[in-house]
Amino acid sequence: GTGTGKYDRDADLDFEKRLLALAVSGALCTRDAVPLEILDELTEKMPD
C-alpha cells in the first residue's frame, strides 16, 4: 500500500515496489534480492 502518502505524494505503487526492492537488496547486501516481477505480483493479485 501507499500508506500516508507523505513520502509518495502520487500514491504510486510502482514507486513503492522499486523502493522496497532497493531497500531489501541493500539490507541483504544482495543484488536484486527480490525481483521486480515478484513485487508486481503483490500488487496485481486481489484479496478475497
All heavy atoms as atom14 arrays in JSON, in Angstrom:
{
  "sequence": "GTGTGKYDRDADLDFEKRLLALAVSGALCTRDAVPLEILDELTEKMPD",
  "atom14_mask": [
    [1, 1, 1, 1, 0, 0, 0, 0, 0, 0, 0, 0, 0, 0],
    [1, 1, 1, 1, 1, 1, 1, 0, 0, 0, 0, 0, 0, 0],
    [1, 1, 1, 1, 0, 0, 0, 0, 0, 0, 0, 0, 0, 0],
    [1, 1, 1, 1, 1, 1, 1, 0, 0, 0, 0, 0, 0, 0],
    [1, 1, 1, 1, 0, 0, 0, 0, 0, 0, 0, 0, 0, 0],
    [1, 1, 1, 1, 1, 1, 1, 1, 1, 0, 0, 0, 0, 0],
    [1, 1, 1, 1, 1, 1, 1, 1, 1, 1, 1, 1, 0, 0],
    [1, 1, 1, 1, 1, 1, 1, 1, 0, 0, 0, 0, 0, 0],
    [1, 1, 1, 1, 1, 1, 1, 1, 1, 1, 1, 0, 0, 0],
    [1, 1, 1, 1, 1, 1, 1, 1, 0, 0, 0, 0, 0, 0],
    [1, 1, 1, 1, 1, 0, 0, 0, 0, 0, 0, 0, 0, 0],
    [1, 1, 1, 1, 1, 1, 1, 1, 0, 0, 0, 0, 0, 0],
    [1, 1, 1, 1, 1, 1, 1, 1, 0, 0, 0, 0, 0, 0],
    [1, 1, 1, 1, 1, 1, 1, 1, 0, 0, 0, 0, 0, 0],
    [1, 1, 1, 1, 1, 1, 1, 1, 1, 1, 1, 0, 0, 0],
    [1, 1, 1, 1, 1, 1, 1, 1, 1, 0, 0, 0, 0, 0],
    [1, 1, 1, 1, 1, 1, 1, 1, 1, 0, 0, 0, 0, 0],
    [1, 1, 1, 1, 1, 1, 1, 1, 1, 1, 1, 0, 0, 0],
    [1, 1, 1, 1, 1, 1, 1, 1, 0, 0, 0, 0, 0, 0],
    [1, 1, 1, 1, 1, 1, 1, 1, 0, 0, 0, 0, 0, 0],
    [1, 1, 1, 1, 1, 0, 0, 0, 0, 0, 0, 0, 0, 0],
    [1, 1, 1, 1, 1, 1, 1, 1, 0, 0, 0, 0, 0, 0],
    [1, 1, 1, 1, 1, 0, 0, 0, 0, 0, 0, 0, 0, 0],
    [1, 1, 1, 1, 1, 1, 1, 0, 0, 0, 0, 0, 0, 0],
    [1, 1, 1, 1, 1, 1, 0, 0, 0, 0, 0, 0, 0, 0],
    [1, 1, 1, 1, 0, 0, 0, 0, 0, 0, 0, 0, 0, 0],
    [1, 1, 1, 1, 1, 0, 0, 0, 0, 0, 0, 0, 0, 0],
    [1, 1, 1, 1, 1, 1, 1, 1, 0, 0, 0, 0, 0, 0],
    [1, 1, 1, 1, 1, 1, 0, 0, 0, 0, 0, 0, 0, 0],
    [1, 1, 1, 1, 1, 1, 1, 0, 0, 0, 0, 0, 0, 0],
    [1, 1, 1, 1, 1, 1, 1, 1, 1, 1, 1, 0, 0, 0],
    [1, 1, 1, 1, 1, 1, 1, 1, 0, 0, 0, 0, 0, 0],
    [1, 1, 1, 1, 1, 0, 0, 0, 0, 0, 0, 0, 0, 0],
    [1, 1, 1, 1, 1, 1, 1, 0, 0, 0, 0, 0, 0, 0],
    [1, 1, 1, 1, 1, 1, 1, 0, 0, 0, 0, 0, 0, 0],
    [1, 1, 1, 1, 1, 1, 1, 1, 0, 0, 0, 0, 0, 0],
    [1, 1, 1, 1, 1, 1, 1, 1, 1, 0, 0, 0, 0, 0],
    [1, 1, 1, 1, 1, 1, 1, 1, 0, 0, 0, 0, 0, 0],
    [1, 1, 1, 1, 1, 1, 1, 1, 0, 0, 0, 0, 0, 0],
    [1, 1, 1, 1, 1, 1, 1, 1, 0, 0, 0, 0, 0, 0],
    [1, 1, 1, 1, 1, 1, 1, 1, 1, 0, 0, 0, 0, 0],
    [1, 1, 1, 1, 1, 1, 1, 1, 0, 0, 0, 0, 0, 0],
    [1, 1, 1, 1, 1, 1, 1, 0, 0, 0, 0, 0, 0, 0],
    [1, 1, 1, 1, 1, 1, 1, 1, 1, 0, 0, 0, 0, 0],
    [1, 1, 1, 1, 1, 1, 1, 1, 1, 0, 0, 0, 0, 0],
    [1, 1, 1, 1, 1, 1, 1, 1, 0, 0, 0, 0, 0, 0],
    [1, 1, 1, 1, 1, 1, 1, 0, 0, 0, 0, 0, 0, 0],
    [1, 1, 1, 1, 1, 1, 1, 1, 0, 0, 0, 0, 0, 0]
  ],
  "atom14_positions": [
    [[0.83, -1.2, 0.0], [0.0, 0.0, 0.0], [0.86, 1.25, 0.0], [2.07, 1.18, 0.22], [0.0, 0.0, 0.0], [0.0, 0.0, 0.0], [0.0, 0.0, 0.0], [0.0, 0.0, 0.0], [0.0, 0.0, 0.0], [0.0, 0.0, 0.0], [0.0, 0.0, 0.0], [0.0, 0.0, 0.0], [0.0, 0.0, 0.0], [0.0, 0.0, 0.0]],
    [[0.23, 2.39, -0.23], [0.98, 3.65, -0.28], [0.95, 4.4, 1.04], [1.61, 5.43, 1.19], [0.44, 4.55, -1.41], [-0.96, 4.75, -1.22], [0.68, 3.92, -2.77], [0.0, 0.0, 0.0], [0.0, 0.0, 0.0], [0.0, 0.0, 0.0], [0.0, 0.0, 0.0], [0.0, 0.0, 0.0], [0.0, 0.0, 0.0], [0.0, 0.0, 0.0]],
    [[0.18, 3.93, 2.01], [0.21, 4.49, 3.36], [-0.25, 5.93, 3.44], [-1.21, 6.34, 2.8], [0.0, 0.0, 0.0], [0.0, 0.0, 0.0], [0.0, 0.0, 0.0], [0.0, 0.0, 0.0], [0.0, 0.0, 0.0], [0.0, 0.0, 0.0], [0.0, 0.0, 0.0], [0.0, 0.0, 0.0], [0.0, 0.0, 0.0], [0.0, 0.0, 0.0]],
    [[0.47, 6.72, 4.24], [0.06, 8.1, 4.49], [0.25, 8.99, 3.26], [-0.38, 10.03, 3.15], [0.87, 8.72, 5.64], [2.26, 8.76, 5.27], [0.71, 7.9, 6.91], [0.0, 0.0, 0.0], [0.0, 0.0, 0.0], [0.0, 0.0, 0.0], [0.0, 0.0, 0.0], [0.0, 0.0, 0.0], [0.0, 0.0, 0.0], [0.0, 0.0, 0.0]],
    [[1.17, 8.59, 2.37], [1.44, 9.41, 1.19], [2.42, 10.54, 1.45], [2.75, 11.29, 0.53], [0.0, 0.0, 0.0], [0.0, 0.0, 0.0], [0.0, 0.0, 0.0], [0.0, 0.0, 0.0], [0.0, 0.0, 0.0], [0.0, 0.0, 0.0], [0.0, 0.0, 0.0], [0.0, 0.0, 0.0], [0.0, 0.0, 0.0], [0.0, 0.0, 0.0]],
    [[2.91, 10.65, 2.68], [3.86, 11.75, 2.98], [5.1, 11.65, 2.11], [5.65, 12.68, 1.69], [4.24, 11.7, 4.46], [5.22, 12.8, 4.87], [5.5, 12.78, 6.36], [6.55, 13.8, 6.75], [6.17, 15.18, 6.44], [0.0, 0.0, 0.0], [0.0, 0.0, 0.0], [0.0, 0.0, 0.0], [0.0, 0.0, 0.0], [0.0, 0.0, 0.0]],
    [[5.53, 10.43, 1.83], [6.74, 10.24, 1.02], [6.42, 9.67, -0.36], [7.32, 9.26, -1.09], [7.71, 9.32, 1.76], [8.1, 9.87, 3.12], [7.47, 9.44, 4.27], [9.09, 10.85, 3.23], [7.81, 9.96, 5.52], [9.43, 11.38, 4.46], [8.79, 10.94, 5.6], [9.12, 11.47, 6.83], [0.0, 0.0, 0.0], [0.0, 0.0, 0.0]],
    [[5.14, 9.65, -0.7], [4.69, 9.17, -2.01], [3.43, 9.94, -2.38], [2.32, 9.43, -2.3], [4.42, 7.66, -1.94], [3.99, 7.07, -3.27], [3.95, 7.81, -4.27], [3.67, 5.87, -3.31], [0.0, 0.0, 0.0], [0.0, 0.0, 0.0], [0.0, 0.0, 0.0], [0.0, 0.0, 0.0], [0.0, 0.0, 0.0], [0.0, 0.0, 0.0]],
    [[3.62, 11.18, -2.78], [2.51, 12.11, -2.98], [1.55, 11.68, -4.09], [0.37, 12.04, -4.08], [3.05, 13.51, -3.3], [3.82, 14.15, -2.16], [2.93, 14.46, -0.97], [3.62, 15.24, 0.04], [3.1, 15.56, 1.22], [1.89, 15.14, 1.53], [3.78, 16.27, 2.09], [0.0, 0.0, 0.0], [0.0, 0.0, 0.0], [0.0, 0.0, 0.0]],
    [[2.05, 10.9, -5.06], [1.2, 10.49, -6.17], [0.5, 9.16, -5.93], [-0.22, 8.68, -6.8], [2.03, 10.38, -7.46], [2.46, 11.74, -7.99], [1.7, 12.7, -7.8], [3.55, 11.83, -8.58], [0.0, 0.0, 0.0], [0.0, 0.0, 0.0], [0.0, 0.0, 0.0], [0.0, 0.0, 0.0], [0.0, 0.0, 0.0], [0.0, 0.0, 0.0]],
    [[0.71, 8.57, -4.74], [0.13, 7.25, -4.45], [0.54, 6.26, -5.55], [-0.3, 5.56, -6.12], [-1.38, 7.33, -4.32], [0.0, 0.0, 0.0], [0.0, 0.0, 0.0], [0.0, 0.0, 0.0], [0.0, 0.0, 0.0], [0.0, 0.0, 0.0], [0.0, 0.0, 0.0], [0.0, 0.0, 0.0], [0.0, 0.0, 0.0], [0.0, 0.0, 0.0]],
    [[1.83, 6.19, -5.8], [2.37, 5.43, -6.92], [2.89, 4.07, -6.43], [3.94, 3.98, -5.8], [3.51, 6.23, -7.56], [4.03, 5.61, -8.83], [3.74, 4.43, -9.08], [4.76, 6.3, -9.57], [0.0, 0.0, 0.0], [0.0, 0.0, 0.0], [0.0, 0.0, 0.0], [0.0, 0.0, 0.0], [0.0, 0.0, 0.0], [0.0, 0.0, 0.0]],
    [[2.17, 3.01, -6.74], [2.58, 1.68, -6.31], [3.88, 1.23, -6.99], [4.65, 0.47, -6.4], [1.46, 0.67, -6.59], [0.29, 0.68, -5.61], [-0.82, -0.23, -6.1], [0.74, 0.25, -4.21], [0.0, 0.0, 0.0], [0.0, 0.0, 0.0], [0.0, 0.0, 0.0], [0.0, 0.0, 0.0], [0.0, 0.0, 0.0], [0.0, 0.0, 0.0]],
    [[4.11, 1.68, -8.21], [5.38, 1.35, -8.87], [6.56, 1.93, -8.1], [7.61, 1.28, -7.97], [5.38, 1.85, -10.31], [4.48, 1.03, -11.22], [4.27, -0.16, -10.92], [4.0, 1.58, -12.23], [0.0, 0.0, 0.0], [0.0, 0.0, 0.0], [0.0, 0.0, 0.0], [0.0, 0.0, 0.0], [0.0, 0.0, 0.0], [0.0, 0.0, 0.0]],
    [[6.4, 3.13, -7.58], [7.44, 3.74, -6.74], [7.66, 2.92, -5.48], [8.8, 2.67, -5.07], [7.05, 5.18, -6.39], [7.91, 5.81, -5.33], [9.2, 6.23, -5.61], [7.42, 5.99, -4.04], [10.0, 6.8, -4.63], [8.21, 6.56, -3.06], [9.5, 6.96, -3.36], [0.0, 0.0, 0.0], [0.0, 0.0, 0.0], [0.0, 0.0, 0.0]],
    [[6.56, 2.49, -4.85], [6.66, 1.69, -3.63], [7.4, 0.38, -3.91], [8.24, -0.05, -3.11], [5.25, 1.39, -3.08], [4.43, 2.59, -2.69], [4.87, 3.25, -1.39], [5.61, 2.62, -0.61], [4.47, 4.41, -1.15], [0.0, 0.0, 0.0], [0.0, 0.0, 0.0], [0.0, 0.0, 0.0], [0.0, 0.0, 0.0], [0.0, 0.0, 0.0]],
    [[7.13, -0.24, -5.02], [7.79, -1.51, -5.36], [9.29, -1.31, -5.59], [10.11, -2.1, -5.1], [7.13, -2.13, -6.6], [5.75, -2.68, -6.36], [5.19, -3.38, -7.59], [4.83, -2.42, -8.68], [4.13, -3.06, -9.81], [0.0, 0.0, 0.0], [0.0, 0.0, 0.0], [0.0, 0.0, 0.0], [0.0, 0.0, 0.0], [0.0, 0.0, 0.0]],
    [[9.63, -0.27, -6.35], [11.05, -0.01, -6.61], [11.8, 0.31, -5.32], [12.92, -0.16, -5.09], [11.21, 1.13, -7.62], [10.73, 0.8, -9.03], [11.2, 1.85, -10.02], [10.74, 3.19, -9.69], [9.6, 3.71, -10.11], [8.79, 2.99, -10.87], [9.26, 4.95, -9.78], [0.0, 0.0, 0.0], [0.0, 0.0, 0.0], [0.0, 0.0, 0.0]],
    [[11.17, 1.1, -4.47], [11.77, 1.48, -3.19], [12.0, 0.24, -2.33], [13.07, 0.06, -1.74], [10.86, 2.48, -2.48], [11.34, 3.06, -1.15], [12.61, 3.87, -1.36], [10.25, 3.93, -0.53], [0.0, 0.0, 0.0], [0.0, 0.0, 0.0], [0.0, 0.0, 0.0], [0.0, 0.0, 0.0], [0.0, 0.0, 0.0], [0.0, 0.0, 0.0]],
    [[11.01, -0.63, -2.27], [11.12, -1.83, -1.46], [12.21, -2.76, -2.0], [13.0, -3.32, -1.24], [9.77, -2.56, -1.42], [9.66, -3.81, -0.56], [10.04, -3.52, 0.88], [8.24, -4.37, -0.63], [0.0, 0.0, 0.0], [0.0, 0.0, 0.0], [0.0, 0.0, 0.0], [0.0, 0.0, 0.0], [0.0, 0.0, 0.0], [0.0, 0.0, 0.0]],
    [[12.25, -2.9, -3.31], [13.26, -3.77, -3.93], [14.67, -3.28, -3.6], [15.56, -4.07, -3.24], [13.05, -3.82, -5.44], [0.0, 0.0, 0.0], [0.0, 0.0, 0.0], [0.0, 0.0, 0.0], [0.0, 0.0, 0.0], [0.0, 0.0, 0.0], [0.0, 0.0, 0.0], [0.0, 0.0, 0.0], [0.0, 0.0, 0.0], [0.0, 0.0, 0.0]],
    [[14.91, -1.98, -3.73], [16.23, -1.43, -3.45], [16.59, -1.56, -1.97], [17.72, -1.89, -1.61], [16.28, 0.03, -3.87], [16.23, 0.31, -5.38], [16.07, 1.8, -5.63], [17.49, -0.21, -6.06], [0.0, 0.0, 0.0], [0.0, 0.0, 0.0], [0.0, 0.0, 0.0], [0.0, 0.0, 0.0], [0.0, 0.0, 0.0], [0.0, 0.0, 0.0]],
    [[15.59, -1.3, -1.1], [15.86, -1.36, 0.35], [16.21, -2.78, 0.78], [17.15, -2.98, 1.56], [14.63, -0.87, 1.11], [0.0, 0.0, 0.0], [0.0, 0.0, 0.0], [0.0, 0.0, 0.0], [0.0, 0.0, 0.0], [0.0, 0.0, 0.0], [0.0, 0.0, 0.0], [0.0, 0.0, 0.0], [0.0, 0.0, 0.0], [0.0, 0.0, 0.0]],
    [[15.48, -3.76, 0.29], [15.74, -5.15, 0.67], [17.11, -5.6, 0.14], [17.88, -6.25, 0.84], [14.63, -6.08, 0.16], [14.99, -7.54, 0.36], [13.31, -5.76, 0.87], [0.0, 0.0, 0.0], [0.0, 0.0, 0.0], [0.0, 0.0, 0.0], [0.0, 0.0, 0.0], [0.0, 0.0, 0.0], [0.0, 0.0, 0.0], [0.0, 0.0, 0.0]],
    [[17.42, -5.22, -1.1], [18.73, -5.57, -1.66], [19.86, -4.96, -0.85], [20.88, -5.61, -0.57], [18.83, -5.11, -3.12], [17.96, -5.86, -3.94], [0.0, 0.0, 0.0], [0.0, 0.0, 0.0], [0.0, 0.0, 0.0], [0.0, 0.0, 0.0], [0.0, 0.0, 0.0], [0.0, 0.0, 0.0], [0.0, 0.0, 0.0], [0.0, 0.0, 0.0]],
    [[19.69, -3.7, -0.45], [20.71, -3.04, 0.36], [20.86, -3.68, 1.72], [21.99, -3.88, 2.2], [0.0, 0.0, 0.0], [0.0, 0.0, 0.0], [0.0, 0.0, 0.0], [0.0, 0.0, 0.0], [0.0, 0.0, 0.0], [0.0, 0.0, 0.0], [0.0, 0.0, 0.0], [0.0, 0.0, 0.0], [0.0, 0.0, 0.0], [0.0, 0.0, 0.0]],
    [[19.74, -4.02, 2.35], [19.79, -4.62, 3.69], [20.46, -6.0, 3.66], [21.17, -6.37, 4.6], [18.38, -4.73, 4.26], [0.0, 0.0, 0.0], [0.0, 0.0, 0.0], [0.0, 0.0, 0.0], [0.0, 0.0, 0.0], [0.0, 0.0, 0.0], [0.0, 0.0, 0.0], [0.0, 0.0, 0.0], [0.0, 0.0, 0.0], [0.0, 0.0, 0.0]],
    [[20.22, -6.74, 2.58], [20.76, -8.11, 2.49], [22.09, -8.16, 1.76], [22.67, -9.24, 1.62], [19.75, -9.01, 1.78], [18.4, -9.19, 2.48], [17.47, -10.04, 1.62], [18.57, -9.81, 3.86], [0.0, 0.0, 0.0], [0.0, 0.0, 0.0], [0.0, 0.0, 0.0], [0.0, 0.0, 0.0], [0.0, 0.0, 0.0], [0.0, 0.0, 0.0]],
    [[22.55, -6.98, 1.29], [23.8, -6.93, 0.52], [23.78, -7.92, -0.65], [24.75, -8.63, -0.92], [25.01, -7.22, 1.42], [25.2, -6.05, 2.77], [0.0, 0.0, 0.0], [0.0, 0.0, 0.0], [0.0, 0.0, 0.0], [0.0, 0.0, 0.0], [0.0, 0.0, 0.0], [0.0, 0.0, 0.0], [0.0, 0.0, 0.0], [0.0, 0.0, 0.0]],
    [[22.62, -7.97, -1.3], [22.41, -8.92, -2.4], [21.74, -8.2, -3.56], [20.68, -7.59, -3.4], [21.5, -10.08, -1.96], [22.1, -10.73, -0.83], [21.3, -11.09, -3.07], [0.0, 0.0, 0.0], [0.0, 0.0, 0.0], [0.0, 0.0, 0.0], [0.0, 0.0, 0.0], [0.0, 0.0, 0.0], [0.0, 0.0, 0.0], [0.0, 0.0, 0.0]],
    [[22.36, -8.26, -4.72], [21.78, -7.61, -5.88], [20.47, -8.29, -6.27], [20.37, -9.52, -6.31], [22.77, -7.69, -7.05], [22.27, -7.02, -8.32], [23.33, -7.07, -9.4], [22.87, -6.45, -10.63], [23.61, -6.35, -11.73], [24.85, -6.83, -11.75], [23.11, -5.76, -12.8], [0.0, 0.0, 0.0], [0.0, 0.0, 0.0], [0.0, 0.0, 0.0]],
    [[19.45, -7.47, -6.53], [18.13, -7.98, -6.94], [17.65, -9.08, -6.01], [17.24, -10.16, -6.44], [18.18, -8.51, -8.38], [18.54, -7.43, -9.39], [18.17, -6.26, -9.15], [19.17, -7.74, -10.41], [0.0, 0.0, 0.0], [0.0, 0.0, 0.0], [0.0, 0.0, 0.0], [0.0, 0.0, 0.0], [0.0, 0.0, 0.0], [0.0, 0.0, 0.0]],
    [[17.69, -8.8, -4.7], [17.3, -9.79, -3.7], [15.86, -10.27, -3.89], [15.53, -11.43, -3.66], [17.46, -9.21, -2.3], [0.0, 0.0, 0.0], [0.0, 0.0, 0.0], [0.0, 0.0, 0.0], [0.0, 0.0, 0.0], [0.0, 0.0, 0.0], [0.0, 0.0, 0.0], [0.0, 0.0, 0.0], [0.0, 0.0, 0.0], [0.0, 0.0, 0.0]],
    [[14.99, -9.35, -4.32], [13.61, -9.71, -4.65], [13.31, -9.13, -6.03], [13.2, -7.92, -6.19], [12.61, -9.16, -3.62], [11.18, -9.56, -4.01], [12.93, -9.66, -2.22], [0.0, 0.0, 0.0], [0.0, 0.0, 0.0], [0.0, 0.0, 0.0], [0.0, 0.0, 0.0], [0.0, 0.0, 0.0], [0.0, 0.0, 0.0], [0.0, 0.0, 0.0]],
    [[13.2, -9.96, -7.06], [12.96, -9.46, -8.42], [11.67, -8.65, -8.52], [10.68, -8.93, -7.83], [12.85, -10.75, -9.25], [13.58, -11.79, -8.46], [13.35, -11.43, -7.02], [0.0, 0.0, 0.0], [0.0, 0.0, 0.0], [0.0, 0.0, 0.0], [0.0, 0.0, 0.0], [0.0, 0.0, 0.0], [0.0, 0.0, 0.0], [0.0, 0.0, 0.0]],
    [[11.71, -7.64, -9.37], [10.53, -6.79, -9.54], [9.33, -7.59, -10.03], [8.18, -7.21, -9.77], [10.85, -5.65, -10.52], [11.64, -4.48, -9.93], [12.02, -3.49, -11.03], [10.84, -3.76, -8.85], [0.0, 0.0, 0.0], [0.0, 0.0, 0.0], [0.0, 0.0, 0.0], [0.0, 0.0, 0.0], [0.0, 0.0, 0.0], [0.0, 0.0, 0.0]],
    [[9.56, -8.68, -10.74], [8.44, -9.5, -11.22], [7.62, -10.04, -10.05], [6.39, -10.12, -10.12], [8.95, -10.66, -12.08], [9.63, -10.26, -13.38], [11.05, -9.78, -13.17], [11.69, -10.21, -12.17], [11.53, -8.96, -13.98], [0.0, 0.0, 0.0], [0.0, 0.0, 0.0], [0.0, 0.0, 0.0], [0.0, 0.0, 0.0], [0.0, 0.0, 0.0]],
    [[8.32, -10.41, -8.99], [7.61, -10.91, -7.81], [6.85, -9.78, -7.14], [5.7, -9.95, -6.7], [8.61, -11.54, -6.83], [9.19, -12.83, -7.43], [7.95, -11.83, -5.48], [10.22, -13.51, -6.56], [0.0, 0.0, 0.0], [0.0, 0.0, 0.0], [0.0, 0.0, 0.0], [0.0, 0.0, 0.0], [0.0, 0.0, 0.0], [0.0, 0.0, 0.0]],
    [[7.45, -8.59, -7.07], [6.77, -7.44, -6.49], [5.55, -7.05, -7.31], [4.53, -6.62, -6.76], [7.74, -6.26, -6.38], [8.85, -6.45, -5.35], [9.9, -5.37, -5.51], [8.3, -6.44, -3.95], [0.0, 0.0, 0.0], [0.0, 0.0, 0.0], [0.0, 0.0, 0.0], [0.0, 0.0, 0.0], [0.0, 0.0, 0.0], [0.0, 0.0, 0.0]],
    [[5.62, -7.2, -8.63], [4.46, -6.94, -9.47], [3.28, -7.82, -9.07], [2.13, -7.37, -9.04], [4.79, -7.18, -10.95], [5.69, -6.11, -11.54], [5.75, -5.01, -10.97], [6.34, -6.38, -12.57], [0.0, 0.0, 0.0], [0.0, 0.0, 0.0], [0.0, 0.0, 0.0], [0.0, 0.0, 0.0], [0.0, 0.0, 0.0], [0.0, 0.0, 0.0]],
    [[3.58, -9.06, -8.75], [2.52, -9.99, -8.36], [1.82, -9.54, -7.08], [0.62, -9.77, -6.91], [3.11, -11.4, -8.16], [3.65, -12.04, -9.42], [4.32, -13.36, -9.15], [4.24, -13.85, -7.99], [4.93, -13.93, -10.08], [0.0, 0.0, 0.0], [0.0, 0.0, 0.0], [0.0, 0.0, 0.0], [0.0, 0.0, 0.0], [0.0, 0.0, 0.0]],
    [[2.55, -8.88, -6.19], [1.98, -8.45, -4.91], [0.96, -7.33, -5.09], [0.1, -7.14, -4.22], [3.09, -7.99, -3.96], [4.21, -8.98, -3.67], [5.14, -8.42, -2.61], [3.66, -10.33, -3.25], [0.0, 0.0, 0.0], [0.0, 0.0, 0.0], [0.0, 0.0, 0.0], [0.0, 0.0, 0.0], [0.0, 0.0, 0.0], [0.0, 0.0, 0.0]],
    [[1.06, -6.58, -6.17], [0.09, -5.5, -6.4], [-0.99, -5.89, -7.41], [-2.0, -5.21, -7.53], [0.8, -4.24, -6.9], [1.55, -4.53, -8.08], [1.72, -3.68, -5.83], [0.0, 0.0, 0.0], [0.0, 0.0, 0.0], [0.0, 0.0, 0.0], [0.0, 0.0, 0.0], [0.0, 0.0, 0.0], [0.0, 0.0, 0.0], [0.0, 0.0, 0.0]],
    [[-0.73, -6.95, -8.18], [-1.72, -7.37, -9.17], [-2.79, -8.3, -8.62], [-3.92, -8.3, -9.08], [-1.01, -8.06, -10.34], [-0.11, -7.17, -11.17], [-0.85, -6.03, -11.86], [-2.08, -6.18, -12.11], [-0.24, -5.0, -12.14], [0.0, 0.0, 0.0], [0.0, 0.0, 0.0], [0.0, 0.0, 0.0], [0.0, 0.0, 0.0], [0.0, 0.0, 0.0]],
    [[-2.43, -9.09, -7.6], [-3.42, -10.01, -7.03], [-4.45, -9.23, -6.22], [-4.18, -8.14, -5.69], [-2.74, -11.06, -6.17], [-2.02, -10.51, -4.95], [-1.33, -11.61, -4.16], [-0.62, -11.05, -2.94], [-0.01, -12.11, -2.12], [0.0, 0.0, 0.0], [0.0, 0.0, 0.0], [0.0, 0.0, 0.0], [0.0, 0.0, 0.0], [0.0, 0.0, 0.0]],
    [[-5.64, -9.8, -6.11], [-6.73, -9.16, -5.38], [-7.08, -9.98, -4.13], [-6.98, -11.19, -4.13], [-7.97, -9.03, -6.27], [-7.78, -8.13, -7.46], [-7.52, -6.41, -6.97], [-6.84, -5.72, -8.48], [0.0, 0.0, 0.0], [0.0, 0.0, 0.0], [0.0, 0.0, 0.0], [0.0, 0.0, 0.0], [0.0, 0.0, 0.0], [0.0, 0.0, 0.0]],
    [[-7.48, -9.28, -3.04], [-7.86, -10.01, -1.83], [-9.18, -10.74, -2.0], [-9.95, -10.45, -2.92], [-8.0, -8.88, -0.81], [-8.42, -7.69, -1.62], [-7.7, -7.83, -2.94], [0.0, 0.0, 0.0], [0.0, 0.0, 0.0], [0.0, 0.0, 0.0], [0.0, 0.0, 0.0], [0.0, 0.0, 0.0], [0.0, 0.0, 0.0], [0.0, 0.0, 0.0]],
    [[-9.42, -11.7, -1.11], [-10.68, -12.43, -1.15], [-11.85, -11.52, -0.84], [-11.73, -10.58, -0.07], [-10.65, -13.58, -0.13], [-9.55, -14.59, -0.49], [-9.23, -14.7, -1.69], [-9.05, -15.24, 0.45], [0.0, 0.0, 0.0], [0.0, 0.0, 0.0], [0.0, 0.0, 0.0], [0.0, 0.0, 0.0], [0.0, 0.0, 0.0], [0.0, 0.0, 0.0]]
  ]
}
